[in-house]
């Protein structure tokens, strides 16, 4: 299975955003991942709308928004106007997540559910009837560089088993290493959000890193 690789833009160098977008696209990234935070649901603030608009205007790749906010429904019209392709919401903080997902679909975007490490699968299972994707957070959200929570592995296994009954793809975000990509891609995880564990480090050349991930992934599958 061909995997999708997303660049976590909260980790990018904003002193040269133009070069970052160009270099990542040329390196073969599939999706630009944008975290939107309100300082309430998580103790941090995310990217501004001008940054999102700039990225969307200057790439041919898909752009996805991960809404780590208390009232995701209130953000949708802005994201629609920007032309964001994929929108993830956290059902834990949406009083009517089914309606939010429906509105995302009505505007032609891909609708995803994002779940924190401590969120039980049972609380979101009914929404799997309508969601296109589930983004599993392997770390407690809000900041880059946090430690992977090993108990999340069981959550991923449960979601992969539920794919027999629902039509959705599984993605992983947070502390995504090359080893973790190999581990989960072979089990059916569709995509991975790349941050400081793999991509955004001073010594890393984007094209080499992404090429290495895809090469190692292919070799593992063929063994």
N, C-alpha and C. Protein backbone atom coordinates (compact mmCIF):
# COMPACT_ATOMS: atom_id res chain seq x y z
N UNK A 1 0.84 -1.20 0.00
CA UNK A 1 0.00 0.00 0.00
C UNK A 1 0.88 1.25 0.00
N UNK A 2 0.57 2.18 -0.87
CA UNK A 2 1.30 3.45 -0.92
C UNK A 2 0.87 4.34 0.23
N UNK A 3 1.85 4.83 0.98
CA UNK A 3 1.51 5.66 2.13
C UNK A 3 1.49 7.14 1.73
N UNK A 4 0.80 7.94 2.55
CA UNK A 4 0.78 9.37 2.37
C UNK A 4 1.58 10.01 3.50
N UNK A 5 2.45 10.95 3.15
CA UNK A 5 3.29 11.63 4.12
C UNK A 5 2.89 13.09 4.19
N UNK A 6 2.60 13.55 5.41
CA UNK A 6 2.23 14.94 5.64
C UNK A 6 3.34 15.65 6.40
N UNK A 7 3.56 16.91 6.08
CA UNK A 7 4.54 17.73 6.78
C UNK A 7 3.84 18.56 7.85
N UNK A 8 4.23 18.38 9.10
CA UNK A 8 3.64 19.14 10.20
C UNK A 8 4.23 20.55 10.20
N UNK A 9 3.49 21.50 9.69
CA UNK A 9 4.03 22.83 9.45
C UNK A 9 4.22 23.65 10.72
N UNK A 10 3.70 23.19 11.85
CA UNK A 10 4.00 23.89 13.10
C UNK A 10 5.48 23.75 13.46
N UNK A 11 6.16 22.79 12.82
CA UNK A 11 7.58 22.54 13.08
C UNK A 11 8.48 23.24 12.06
N UNK A 12 7.89 23.87 11.06
CA UNK A 12 8.68 24.46 9.98
C UNK A 12 9.35 25.76 10.41
N UNK A 13 10.27 26.23 9.59
CA UNK A 13 10.98 27.48 9.83
C UNK A 13 10.20 28.63 9.20
N UNK A 14 9.58 29.45 10.03
CA UNK A 14 8.73 30.51 9.50
C UNK A 14 9.51 31.76 9.08
N UNK A 15 10.81 31.74 9.30
CA UNK A 15 11.64 32.83 8.81
C UNK A 15 11.80 32.75 7.29
N UNK A 16 11.52 31.56 6.74
CA UNK A 16 11.62 31.37 5.28
C UNK A 16 10.54 30.39 4.82
N UNK A 17 9.30 30.74 5.09
CA UNK A 17 8.18 29.86 4.78
C UNK A 17 8.11 29.54 3.29
N UNK A 18 8.41 30.52 2.45
CA UNK A 18 8.37 30.29 1.01
C UNK A 18 9.30 29.15 0.61
N UNK A 19 10.51 29.17 1.14
CA UNK A 19 11.49 28.12 0.82
C UNK A 19 11.07 26.79 1.42
N UNK A 20 10.49 26.81 2.60
CA UNK A 20 10.05 25.58 3.24
C UNK A 20 9.00 24.87 2.39
N UNK A 21 8.02 25.62 1.93
CA UNK A 21 6.95 25.04 1.11
C UNK A 21 7.52 24.48 -0.18
N UNK A 22 8.36 25.25 -0.83
CA UNK A 22 8.96 24.81 -2.10
C UNK A 22 9.82 23.56 -1.90
N UNK A 23 10.66 23.57 -0.86
CA UNK A 23 11.56 22.45 -0.63
C UNK A 23 10.79 21.18 -0.26
N UNK A 24 9.76 21.31 0.54
CA UNK A 24 8.96 20.15 0.93
C UNK A 24 8.21 19.57 -0.26
N UNK A 25 7.66 20.43 -1.08
CA UNK A 25 6.95 19.94 -2.27
C UNK A 25 7.92 19.25 -3.22
N UNK A 26 9.07 19.85 -3.45
CA UNK A 26 10.07 19.23 -4.33
C UNK A 26 10.61 17.93 -3.75
N UNK A 27 10.58 17.81 -2.44
CA UNK A 27 11.07 16.59 -1.79
C UNK A 27 10.09 15.44 -1.89
N UNK A 28 8.84 15.74 -2.27
CA UNK A 28 7.85 14.68 -2.45
C UNK A 28 6.85 14.52 -1.34
N UNK A 29 6.69 15.55 -0.51
CA UNK A 29 5.66 15.48 0.52
C UNK A 29 4.29 15.43 -0.15
N UNK A 30 3.35 14.72 0.46
CA UNK A 30 2.02 14.58 -0.15
C UNK A 30 1.03 15.63 0.34
N UNK A 31 1.16 16.01 1.61
CA UNK A 31 0.16 16.88 2.24
C UNK A 31 0.87 17.86 3.18
N UNK A 32 0.37 19.08 3.23
CA UNK A 32 0.81 20.04 4.23
C UNK A 32 -0.19 20.04 5.38
N UNK A 33 0.31 19.72 6.56
CA UNK A 33 -0.52 19.56 7.76
C UNK A 33 -0.41 20.82 8.62
N UNK A 34 -1.57 21.43 8.88
CA UNK A 34 -1.60 22.68 9.63
C UNK A 34 -2.39 22.48 10.92
N UNK A 35 -1.75 22.78 12.04
CA UNK A 35 -2.41 22.69 13.35
C UNK A 35 -2.98 24.04 13.72
N UNK A 36 -4.28 24.04 14.03
CA UNK A 36 -4.95 25.26 14.47
C UNK A 36 -5.32 25.07 15.94
N UNK A 37 -4.76 25.92 16.81
CA UNK A 37 -4.97 25.80 18.24
C UNK A 37 -5.48 27.11 18.82
N UNK A 38 -6.37 27.01 19.79
CA UNK A 38 -7.01 28.21 20.33
C UNK A 38 -6.56 28.57 21.74
N UNK A 39 -5.59 27.83 22.30
CA UNK A 39 -5.14 28.10 23.65
C UNK A 39 -6.09 27.62 24.72
N UNK A 40 -7.16 26.96 24.31
CA UNK A 40 -8.16 26.46 25.26
C UNK A 40 -8.17 24.94 25.28
N UNK A 41 -8.44 24.32 24.13
CA UNK A 41 -8.43 22.86 24.05
C UNK A 41 -7.03 22.31 24.32
N UNK A 42 -6.02 23.02 23.84
CA UNK A 42 -4.62 22.72 24.16
C UNK A 42 -3.95 24.03 24.59
N UNK A 43 -2.85 23.91 25.34
CA UNK A 43 -2.20 25.10 25.90
C UNK A 43 -1.17 25.68 24.94
N UNK A 44 -1.63 26.00 23.74
CA UNK A 44 -0.75 26.59 22.74
C UNK A 44 -1.61 27.26 21.69
N UNK A 45 -0.99 28.05 20.84
CA UNK A 45 -1.69 28.69 19.72
C UNK A 45 -1.04 28.24 18.43
N UNK A 46 -1.87 28.03 17.41
CA UNK A 46 -1.38 27.49 16.15
C UNK A 46 -1.17 28.55 15.10
N UNK A 47 -1.10 28.09 13.87
CA UNK A 47 -0.78 28.96 12.74
C UNK A 47 -1.89 29.97 12.46
N UNK A 48 -1.48 31.09 11.89
CA UNK A 48 -2.43 32.11 11.50
C UNK A 48 -3.03 31.84 10.14
N UNK A 49 -4.14 32.50 9.86
CA UNK A 49 -4.84 32.28 8.59
C UNK A 49 -4.01 32.76 7.41
N UNK A 50 -3.22 33.81 7.60
CA UNK A 50 -2.39 34.30 6.51
C UNK A 50 -1.35 33.24 6.11
N UNK A 51 -0.80 32.55 7.10
CA UNK A 51 0.16 31.48 6.80
C UNK A 51 -0.52 30.35 6.04
N UNK A 52 -1.71 29.98 6.48
CA UNK A 52 -2.45 28.91 5.79
C UNK A 52 -2.78 29.31 4.36
N UNK A 53 -3.22 30.55 4.19
CA UNK A 53 -3.56 31.04 2.85
C UNK A 53 -2.33 31.03 1.95
N UNK A 54 -1.19 31.41 2.50
CA UNK A 54 0.04 31.43 1.72
C UNK A 54 0.40 30.01 1.27
N UNK A 55 0.36 29.06 2.18
CA UNK A 55 0.71 27.68 1.83
C UNK A 55 -0.24 27.15 0.76
N UNK A 56 -1.53 27.40 0.94
CA UNK A 56 -2.51 26.90 -0.02
C UNK A 56 -2.30 27.50 -1.41
N UNK A 57 -1.93 28.77 -1.47
CA UNK A 57 -1.72 29.44 -2.76
C UNK A 57 -0.46 28.96 -3.46
N UNK A 58 0.50 28.47 -2.70
CA UNK A 58 1.82 28.20 -3.26
C UNK A 58 2.17 26.72 -3.32
N UNK A 59 1.17 25.86 -3.32
CA UNK A 59 1.43 24.44 -3.50
C UNK A 59 0.34 23.80 -4.32
N UNK A 60 0.70 22.75 -5.01
CA UNK A 60 -0.28 21.94 -5.73
C UNK A 60 -0.71 20.74 -4.90
N UNK A 61 -0.10 20.58 -3.72
CA UNK A 61 -0.42 19.46 -2.85
C UNK A 61 -1.66 19.78 -2.01
N UNK A 62 -2.22 18.73 -1.41
CA UNK A 62 -3.34 18.94 -0.51
C UNK A 62 -2.88 19.63 0.78
N UNK A 63 -3.79 20.40 1.35
CA UNK A 63 -3.53 21.06 2.63
C UNK A 63 -4.62 20.61 3.61
N UNK A 64 -4.19 20.15 4.78
CA UNK A 64 -5.15 19.69 5.78
C UNK A 64 -5.04 20.52 7.05
N UNK A 65 -6.19 20.73 7.70
CA UNK A 65 -6.24 21.49 8.94
C UNK A 65 -6.66 20.56 10.08
N UNK A 66 -5.88 20.58 11.14
CA UNK A 66 -6.18 19.81 12.35
C UNK A 66 -6.68 20.80 13.38
N UNK A 67 -7.99 20.77 13.64
CA UNK A 67 -8.61 21.75 14.53
C UNK A 67 -8.52 21.29 15.98
N UNK A 68 -7.54 21.81 16.70
CA UNK A 68 -7.43 21.57 18.13
C UNK A 68 -8.02 22.77 18.85
N UNK A 69 -9.34 22.90 18.70
CA UNK A 69 -10.06 24.07 19.20
C UNK A 69 -11.34 23.62 19.89
N UNK A 70 -11.88 24.49 20.71
CA UNK A 70 -13.05 24.13 21.51
C UNK A 70 -14.34 24.04 20.72
N UNK A 71 -14.48 24.86 19.68
CA UNK A 71 -15.70 24.86 18.88
C UNK A 71 -15.34 24.79 17.40
N UNK A 72 -14.98 23.60 16.92
CA UNK A 72 -14.50 23.48 15.54
C UNK A 72 -15.49 23.95 14.49
N UNK A 73 -16.78 23.82 14.76
CA UNK A 73 -17.80 24.23 13.79
C UNK A 73 -17.64 25.70 13.40
N UNK A 74 -17.21 26.52 14.36
CA UNK A 74 -17.09 27.95 14.11
C UNK A 74 -15.95 28.31 13.17
N UNK A 75 -15.05 27.38 12.91
CA UNK A 75 -13.89 27.64 12.08
C UNK A 75 -14.09 27.20 10.63
N UNK A 76 -15.16 26.48 10.36
CA UNK A 76 -15.28 25.83 9.06
C UNK A 76 -15.37 26.80 7.89
N UNK A 77 -16.17 27.84 8.01
CA UNK A 77 -16.35 28.76 6.87
C UNK A 77 -15.03 29.39 6.45
N UNK A 78 -14.18 29.72 7.41
CA UNK A 78 -12.89 30.30 7.09
C UNK A 78 -12.04 29.30 6.32
N UNK A 79 -12.07 28.05 6.78
CA UNK A 79 -11.28 27.01 6.10
C UNK A 79 -11.82 26.73 4.71
N UNK A 80 -13.14 26.75 4.56
CA UNK A 80 -13.73 26.56 3.24
C UNK A 80 -13.28 27.67 2.29
N UNK A 81 -13.27 28.90 2.78
CA UNK A 81 -12.87 30.04 1.95
C UNK A 81 -11.40 29.94 1.53
N UNK A 82 -10.59 29.34 2.39
CA UNK A 82 -9.18 29.16 2.06
C UNK A 82 -8.95 27.99 1.10
N UNK A 83 -9.97 27.15 0.95
CA UNK A 83 -9.84 26.00 0.06
C UNK A 83 -9.12 24.82 0.67
N UNK A 84 -9.16 24.71 2.01
CA UNK A 84 -8.50 23.59 2.69
C UNK A 84 -9.15 22.28 2.24
N UNK A 85 -8.32 21.28 1.95
CA UNK A 85 -8.81 20.04 1.35
C UNK A 85 -9.31 19.01 2.38
N UNK A 86 -8.67 18.97 3.54
CA UNK A 86 -8.96 17.96 4.56
C UNK A 86 -9.10 18.66 5.90
N UNK A 87 -10.14 18.33 6.66
CA UNK A 87 -10.35 18.97 7.96
C UNK A 87 -10.58 17.89 9.02
N UNK A 88 -9.75 17.94 10.06
CA UNK A 88 -9.89 17.04 11.20
C UNK A 88 -10.50 17.80 12.38
N UNK A 89 -11.46 17.18 13.04
CA UNK A 89 -12.04 17.76 14.25
C UNK A 89 -11.85 16.78 15.41
N UNK A 90 -11.91 17.32 16.62
CA UNK A 90 -11.90 16.49 17.83
C UNK A 90 -13.33 16.38 18.34
N UNK A 91 -13.95 15.21 18.25
CA UNK A 91 -15.34 15.07 18.70
C UNK A 91 -15.53 15.37 20.18
N UNK A 92 -14.45 15.25 20.97
CA UNK A 92 -14.57 15.49 22.41
C UNK A 92 -15.05 16.90 22.74
N UNK A 93 -14.76 17.85 21.85
CA UNK A 93 -15.08 19.25 22.15
C UNK A 93 -16.09 19.84 21.17
N UNK A 94 -16.76 18.99 20.43
CA UNK A 94 -17.79 19.44 19.49
C UNK A 94 -19.14 18.93 19.99
N UNK A 95 -20.08 19.82 20.31
CA UNK A 95 -21.38 19.36 20.82
C UNK A 95 -22.18 18.56 19.80
N UNK A 96 -21.88 18.72 18.52
CA UNK A 96 -22.61 17.99 17.48
C UNK A 96 -21.65 17.62 16.35
N UNK A 97 -20.73 16.70 16.60
CA UNK A 97 -19.70 16.38 15.60
C UNK A 97 -20.27 15.83 14.30
N UNK A 98 -21.40 15.12 14.37
CA UNK A 98 -21.99 14.57 13.15
C UNK A 98 -22.40 15.68 12.19
N UNK A 99 -22.95 16.76 12.73
CA UNK A 99 -23.34 17.89 11.90
C UNK A 99 -22.12 18.58 11.32
N UNK A 100 -21.06 18.69 12.10
CA UNK A 100 -19.82 19.29 11.61
C UNK A 100 -19.24 18.48 10.46
N UNK A 101 -19.21 17.17 10.60
CA UNK A 101 -18.71 16.30 9.53
C UNK A 101 -19.58 16.44 8.29
N UNK A 102 -20.88 16.51 8.48
CA UNK A 102 -21.79 16.66 7.34
C UNK A 102 -21.51 17.97 6.59
N UNK A 103 -21.28 19.05 7.34
CA UNK A 103 -21.01 20.33 6.69
C UNK A 103 -19.70 20.29 5.92
N UNK A 104 -18.70 19.61 6.46
CA UNK A 104 -17.42 19.47 5.75
C UNK A 104 -17.64 18.76 4.42
N UNK A 105 -18.41 17.70 4.45
CA UNK A 105 -18.70 16.96 3.22
C UNK A 105 -19.49 17.81 2.23
N UNK A 106 -20.43 18.57 2.71
CA UNK A 106 -21.24 19.40 1.84
C UNK A 106 -20.40 20.41 1.05
N UNK A 107 -19.28 20.79 1.61
CA UNK A 107 -18.40 21.75 0.93
C UNK A 107 -17.29 21.06 0.14
N UNK A 108 -17.41 19.75 -0.02
CA UNK A 108 -16.49 19.03 -0.89
C UNK A 108 -15.14 18.71 -0.29
N UNK A 109 -14.99 18.86 1.03
CA UNK A 109 -13.73 18.56 1.69
C UNK A 109 -13.78 17.16 2.31
N UNK A 110 -12.61 16.64 2.63
CA UNK A 110 -12.50 15.34 3.30
C UNK A 110 -12.62 15.57 4.79
N UNK A 111 -13.45 14.76 5.46
CA UNK A 111 -13.72 14.94 6.88
C UNK A 111 -13.00 13.88 7.70
N UNK A 112 -12.27 14.34 8.70
CA UNK A 112 -11.56 13.41 9.57
C UNK A 112 -11.84 13.64 11.03
N UNK A 113 -11.67 12.59 11.81
CA UNK A 113 -11.75 12.65 13.26
C UNK A 113 -10.33 12.55 13.81
N UNK A 114 -9.97 13.42 14.73
CA UNK A 114 -8.69 13.32 15.43
C UNK A 114 -8.97 12.91 16.87
N UNK A 115 -8.18 11.96 17.36
CA UNK A 115 -8.42 11.49 18.74
C UNK A 115 -7.12 11.53 19.54
N UNK A 116 -7.22 12.07 20.75
CA UNK A 116 -6.10 12.16 21.67
C UNK A 116 -5.73 10.78 22.21
N UNK A 117 -4.55 10.64 22.76
CA UNK A 117 -4.15 9.35 23.34
C UNK A 117 -5.16 8.81 24.36
N UNK A 118 -5.75 9.69 25.14
CA UNK A 118 -6.67 9.24 26.17
C UNK A 118 -8.12 9.11 25.75
N UNK A 119 -8.42 9.32 24.47
CA UNK A 119 -9.80 9.21 23.98
C UNK A 119 -10.12 7.77 23.62
N UNK A 120 -11.18 7.23 24.19
CA UNK A 120 -11.57 5.85 23.95
C UNK A 120 -12.22 5.69 22.57
N UNK A 121 -11.90 4.62 21.89
CA UNK A 121 -12.50 4.33 20.58
C UNK A 121 -14.02 4.24 20.70
N UNK A 122 -14.51 3.71 21.79
CA UNK A 122 -15.96 3.53 21.96
C UNK A 122 -16.72 4.85 21.89
N UNK A 123 -16.07 5.96 22.24
CA UNK A 123 -16.76 7.24 22.25
C UNK A 123 -16.93 7.84 20.87
N UNK A 124 -16.20 7.31 19.88
CA UNK A 124 -16.27 7.89 18.53
C UNK A 124 -16.71 6.86 17.48
N UNK A 125 -17.02 5.64 17.91
CA UNK A 125 -17.27 4.58 16.93
C UNK A 125 -18.44 4.90 16.01
N UNK A 126 -19.52 5.45 16.53
CA UNK A 126 -20.67 5.75 15.67
C UNK A 126 -20.31 6.76 14.58
N UNK A 127 -19.37 7.65 14.87
CA UNK A 127 -18.97 8.64 13.87
C UNK A 127 -18.18 8.02 12.72
N UNK A 128 -17.71 6.80 12.91
CA UNK A 128 -16.99 6.12 11.84
C UNK A 128 -17.90 5.81 10.66
N UNK A 129 -19.20 5.91 10.86
CA UNK A 129 -20.15 5.75 9.76
C UNK A 129 -20.04 6.88 8.74
N UNK A 130 -19.51 8.02 9.16
CA UNK A 130 -19.49 9.20 8.28
C UNK A 130 -18.10 9.75 8.02
N UNK A 131 -17.14 9.49 8.89
CA UNK A 131 -15.80 10.07 8.74
C UNK A 131 -15.01 9.35 7.65
N UNK A 132 -14.19 10.11 6.95
CA UNK A 132 -13.32 9.54 5.91
C UNK A 132 -12.01 9.03 6.49
N UNK A 133 -11.56 9.70 7.56
CA UNK A 133 -10.26 9.38 8.14
C UNK A 133 -10.31 9.50 9.65
N UNK A 134 -9.40 8.76 10.31
CA UNK A 134 -9.19 8.94 11.74
C UNK A 134 -7.71 9.22 11.95
N UNK A 135 -7.41 10.35 12.56
CA UNK A 135 -6.05 10.74 12.87
C UNK A 135 -5.78 10.42 14.33
N UNK A 136 -4.92 9.44 14.56
CA UNK A 136 -4.59 9.02 15.92
C UNK A 136 -3.38 9.80 16.41
N UNK A 137 -3.53 10.52 17.50
CA UNK A 137 -2.42 11.25 18.08
C UNK A 137 -1.64 10.32 19.00
N UNK A 138 -0.36 10.17 18.70
CA UNK A 138 0.49 9.32 19.52
C UNK A 138 1.09 10.04 20.70
N UNK A 139 0.89 11.35 20.75
CA UNK A 139 1.42 12.17 21.85
C UNK A 139 0.29 13.04 22.38
N UNK A 140 0.46 13.54 23.59
CA UNK A 140 -0.49 14.52 24.11
C UNK A 140 -0.33 15.80 23.30
N UNK A 141 -1.42 16.34 22.76
CA UNK A 141 -1.32 17.38 21.73
C UNK A 141 -0.95 18.76 22.27
N UNK A 142 -0.51 19.60 21.32
CA UNK A 142 -0.29 21.00 21.63
C UNK A 142 1.12 21.49 21.39
N UNK A 143 2.11 20.57 21.50
CA UNK A 143 3.50 20.97 21.36
C UNK A 143 4.27 19.90 20.58
N UNK A 144 5.26 20.35 19.82
CA UNK A 144 6.11 19.42 19.09
C UNK A 144 7.13 18.78 20.04
N UNK A 145 7.58 17.58 19.66
CA UNK A 145 8.66 16.93 20.39
C UNK A 145 8.26 16.14 21.61
N UNK A 146 6.98 15.94 21.82
CA UNK A 146 6.54 15.19 23.00
C UNK A 146 6.73 13.68 22.81
N UNK A 147 6.74 12.97 23.93
CA UNK A 147 7.03 11.54 23.94
C UNK A 147 5.81 10.74 23.47
N UNK A 148 6.10 9.70 22.67
CA UNK A 148 5.05 8.80 22.19
C UNK A 148 4.49 7.98 23.36
N UNK A 149 3.17 7.88 23.39
CA UNK A 149 2.49 7.11 24.42
C UNK A 149 2.24 5.69 23.91
N UNK A 150 2.96 4.72 24.48
CA UNK A 150 2.95 3.36 23.95
C UNK A 150 1.57 2.71 23.96
N UNK A 151 0.72 3.10 24.89
CA UNK A 151 -0.61 2.48 24.94
C UNK A 151 -1.48 2.84 23.74
N UNK A 152 -1.03 3.84 22.97
CA UNK A 152 -1.77 4.21 21.76
C UNK A 152 -1.73 3.08 20.73
N UNK A 153 -0.71 2.23 20.81
CA UNK A 153 -0.62 1.11 19.87
C UNK A 153 -1.89 0.26 19.88
N UNK A 154 -2.45 0.02 21.05
CA UNK A 154 -3.68 -0.78 21.14
C UNK A 154 -4.84 -0.06 20.47
N UNK A 155 -4.86 1.25 20.58
CA UNK A 155 -5.92 2.04 19.93
C UNK A 155 -5.84 1.91 18.42
N UNK A 156 -4.62 1.97 17.89
CA UNK A 156 -4.44 1.83 16.45
C UNK A 156 -4.89 0.46 15.97
N UNK A 157 -4.52 -0.58 16.73
CA UNK A 157 -4.94 -1.94 16.39
C UNK A 157 -6.47 -2.05 16.35
N UNK A 158 -7.13 -1.46 17.32
CA UNK A 158 -8.59 -1.50 17.36
C UNK A 158 -9.20 -0.83 16.14
N UNK A 159 -8.65 0.32 15.78
CA UNK A 159 -9.17 1.04 14.61
C UNK A 159 -8.97 0.24 13.33
N UNK A 160 -7.81 -0.36 13.19
CA UNK A 160 -7.57 -1.17 11.99
C UNK A 160 -8.53 -2.35 11.92
N UNK A 161 -8.89 -2.93 13.04
CA UNK A 161 -9.86 -4.02 13.06
C UNK A 161 -11.26 -3.52 12.69
N UNK A 162 -11.57 -2.28 13.05
CA UNK A 162 -12.89 -1.72 12.75
C UNK A 162 -13.06 -1.37 11.28
N UNK A 163 -11.97 -1.34 10.54
CA UNK A 163 -12.08 -1.05 9.11
C UNK A 163 -12.89 -2.11 8.36
N UNK A 164 -13.07 -3.26 8.97
CA UNK A 164 -13.90 -4.29 8.35
C UNK A 164 -15.37 -3.88 8.30
N UNK A 165 -15.74 -2.95 9.17
CA UNK A 165 -17.15 -2.56 9.29
C UNK A 165 -17.44 -1.15 8.79
N UNK A 166 -16.40 -0.32 8.67
CA UNK A 166 -16.60 1.07 8.27
C UNK A 166 -15.61 1.42 7.16
N UNK A 167 -15.92 2.48 6.44
CA UNK A 167 -15.07 2.93 5.33
C UNK A 167 -14.27 4.15 5.76
N UNK A 168 -13.11 3.93 6.37
CA UNK A 168 -12.25 5.04 6.77
C UNK A 168 -10.80 4.58 6.71
N UNK A 169 -9.90 5.56 6.64
CA UNK A 169 -8.47 5.28 6.66
C UNK A 169 -7.87 5.78 7.96
N UNK A 170 -6.80 5.14 8.38
CA UNK A 170 -6.14 5.49 9.64
C UNK A 170 -4.84 6.24 9.35
N UNK A 171 -4.64 7.32 10.08
CA UNK A 171 -3.43 8.14 9.99
C UNK A 171 -2.86 8.31 11.40
N UNK A 172 -1.55 8.53 11.48
CA UNK A 172 -0.90 8.71 12.78
C UNK A 172 -0.15 10.03 12.80
N UNK A 173 -0.26 10.73 13.92
CA UNK A 173 0.39 12.03 14.10
C UNK A 173 1.06 12.05 15.48
N UNK A 174 2.34 12.42 15.51
CA UNK A 174 3.02 12.58 16.79
C UNK A 174 4.12 11.56 17.02
N UNK A 175 5.36 12.04 17.13
CA UNK A 175 6.53 11.17 17.36
C UNK A 175 6.61 10.06 16.32
N UNK A 176 6.38 10.41 15.06
CA UNK A 176 6.39 9.43 13.97
C UNK A 176 7.83 9.24 13.49
N UNK A 177 8.42 8.12 13.84
CA UNK A 177 9.76 7.75 13.40
C UNK A 177 9.68 6.85 12.18
N UNK A 178 10.81 6.64 11.52
CA UNK A 178 10.83 5.72 10.37
C UNK A 178 10.44 4.31 10.80
N UNK A 179 10.91 3.92 11.97
CA UNK A 179 10.58 2.58 12.47
C UNK A 179 9.08 2.44 12.71
N UNK A 180 8.47 3.49 13.21
CA UNK A 180 7.02 3.43 13.46
C UNK A 180 6.24 3.40 12.15
N UNK A 181 6.73 4.09 11.15
CA UNK A 181 6.08 4.06 9.84
C UNK A 181 6.11 2.64 9.28
N UNK A 182 7.27 2.00 9.32
CA UNK A 182 7.40 0.64 8.82
C UNK A 182 6.47 -0.30 9.59
N UNK A 183 6.45 -0.16 10.90
CA UNK A 183 5.61 -1.02 11.75
C UNK A 183 4.15 -0.95 11.36
N UNK A 184 3.63 0.28 11.16
CA UNK A 184 2.19 0.44 10.99
C UNK A 184 1.74 0.42 9.53
N UNK A 185 2.62 0.79 8.61
CA UNK A 185 2.21 0.74 7.21
C UNK A 185 1.92 -0.69 6.78
N UNK A 186 2.72 -1.62 7.27
CA UNK A 186 2.53 -3.02 6.89
C UNK A 186 1.24 -3.60 7.48
N UNK A 187 0.68 -2.89 8.48
CA UNK A 187 -0.56 -3.36 9.09
C UNK A 187 -1.80 -2.64 8.56
N UNK A 188 -1.57 -1.62 7.72
CA UNK A 188 -2.71 -0.99 7.08
C UNK A 188 -2.91 0.48 7.36
N UNK A 189 -2.02 1.12 8.12
CA UNK A 189 -2.14 2.56 8.33
C UNK A 189 -1.82 3.28 7.01
N UNK A 190 -2.65 4.24 6.65
CA UNK A 190 -2.56 4.88 5.34
C UNK A 190 -1.56 6.03 5.28
N UNK A 191 -1.47 6.82 6.37
CA UNK A 191 -0.63 8.00 6.29
C UNK A 191 -0.03 8.41 7.63
N UNK A 192 0.99 9.27 7.53
CA UNK A 192 1.74 9.67 8.71
C UNK A 192 2.08 11.15 8.63
N UNK A 193 1.95 11.84 9.76
CA UNK A 193 2.33 13.24 9.85
C UNK A 193 3.75 13.31 10.39
N UNK A 194 4.63 13.94 9.64
CA UNK A 194 6.05 13.99 9.98
C UNK A 194 6.39 15.30 10.67
N UNK A 195 7.03 15.18 11.84
CA UNK A 195 7.44 16.37 12.59
C UNK A 195 8.90 16.31 12.95
N UNK A 196 9.20 16.65 14.20
CA UNK A 196 10.60 16.72 14.62
C UNK A 196 11.26 15.36 14.77
N UNK A 197 10.50 14.30 14.91
CA UNK A 197 11.09 12.97 15.06
C UNK A 197 11.71 12.46 13.77
N UNK A 198 11.27 13.01 12.63
CA UNK A 198 11.71 12.48 11.34
C UNK A 198 12.21 13.55 10.38
N UNK A 199 11.53 14.66 10.32
CA UNK A 199 11.73 15.59 9.20
C UNK A 199 12.33 16.93 9.61
N UNK A 200 11.78 17.56 10.63
CA UNK A 200 12.16 18.94 10.95
C UNK A 200 13.25 18.98 12.02
N UNK A 201 14.49 18.71 11.56
CA UNK A 201 15.67 18.83 12.40
C UNK A 201 16.75 19.53 11.59
N UNK A 202 17.64 20.27 12.24
CA UNK A 202 18.61 21.09 11.50
C UNK A 202 19.45 20.32 10.49
N UNK A 203 19.79 19.08 10.83
CA UNK A 203 20.68 18.31 9.96
C UNK A 203 19.96 17.59 8.82
N UNK A 204 18.66 17.65 8.80
CA UNK A 204 17.87 16.86 7.84
C UNK A 204 17.68 17.62 6.53
N UNK A 205 17.94 16.93 5.43
CA UNK A 205 17.60 17.43 4.09
C UNK A 205 16.29 16.76 3.69
N UNK A 206 15.28 17.56 3.42
CA UNK A 206 13.93 17.04 3.23
C UNK A 206 13.86 15.94 2.18
N UNK A 207 14.47 16.19 1.04
CA UNK A 207 14.38 15.23 -0.06
C UNK A 207 15.01 13.90 0.32
N UNK A 208 16.13 13.94 1.01
CA UNK A 208 16.80 12.71 1.43
C UNK A 208 15.96 11.98 2.48
N UNK A 209 15.38 12.72 3.41
CA UNK A 209 14.59 12.10 4.47
C UNK A 209 13.35 11.41 3.91
N UNK A 210 12.63 12.09 3.04
CA UNK A 210 11.41 11.52 2.49
C UNK A 210 11.73 10.33 1.58
N UNK A 211 12.79 10.46 0.79
CA UNK A 211 13.22 9.35 -0.06
C UNK A 211 13.60 8.14 0.78
N UNK A 212 14.28 8.37 1.88
CA UNK A 212 14.68 7.28 2.77
C UNK A 212 13.48 6.58 3.38
N UNK A 213 12.49 7.37 3.79
CA UNK A 213 11.27 6.79 4.37
C UNK A 213 10.57 5.90 3.35
N UNK A 214 10.42 6.39 2.15
CA UNK A 214 9.72 5.61 1.13
C UNK A 214 10.53 4.37 0.73
N UNK A 215 11.84 4.50 0.65
CA UNK A 215 12.68 3.36 0.28
C UNK A 215 12.63 2.28 1.36
N UNK A 216 12.80 2.67 2.62
CA UNK A 216 12.75 1.69 3.71
C UNK A 216 11.40 1.02 3.79
N UNK A 217 10.36 1.82 3.50
CA UNK A 217 9.00 1.29 3.55
C UNK A 217 8.79 0.23 2.50
N UNK A 218 9.25 0.50 1.28
CA UNK A 218 9.10 -0.44 0.18
C UNK A 218 9.89 -1.71 0.45
N UNK A 219 11.12 -1.56 0.94
CA UNK A 219 11.95 -2.72 1.23
C UNK A 219 11.28 -3.61 2.27
N UNK A 220 10.68 -3.02 3.28
CA UNK A 220 10.05 -3.80 4.33
C UNK A 220 8.88 -4.61 3.77
N UNK A 221 8.12 -3.97 2.89
CA UNK A 221 6.96 -4.65 2.31
C UNK A 221 7.39 -5.82 1.43
N UNK A 222 8.51 -5.64 0.71
CA UNK A 222 8.93 -6.67 -0.23
C UNK A 222 9.63 -7.85 0.44
N UNK A 223 10.10 -7.67 1.66
CA UNK A 223 10.80 -8.76 2.35
C UNK A 223 9.87 -9.93 2.60
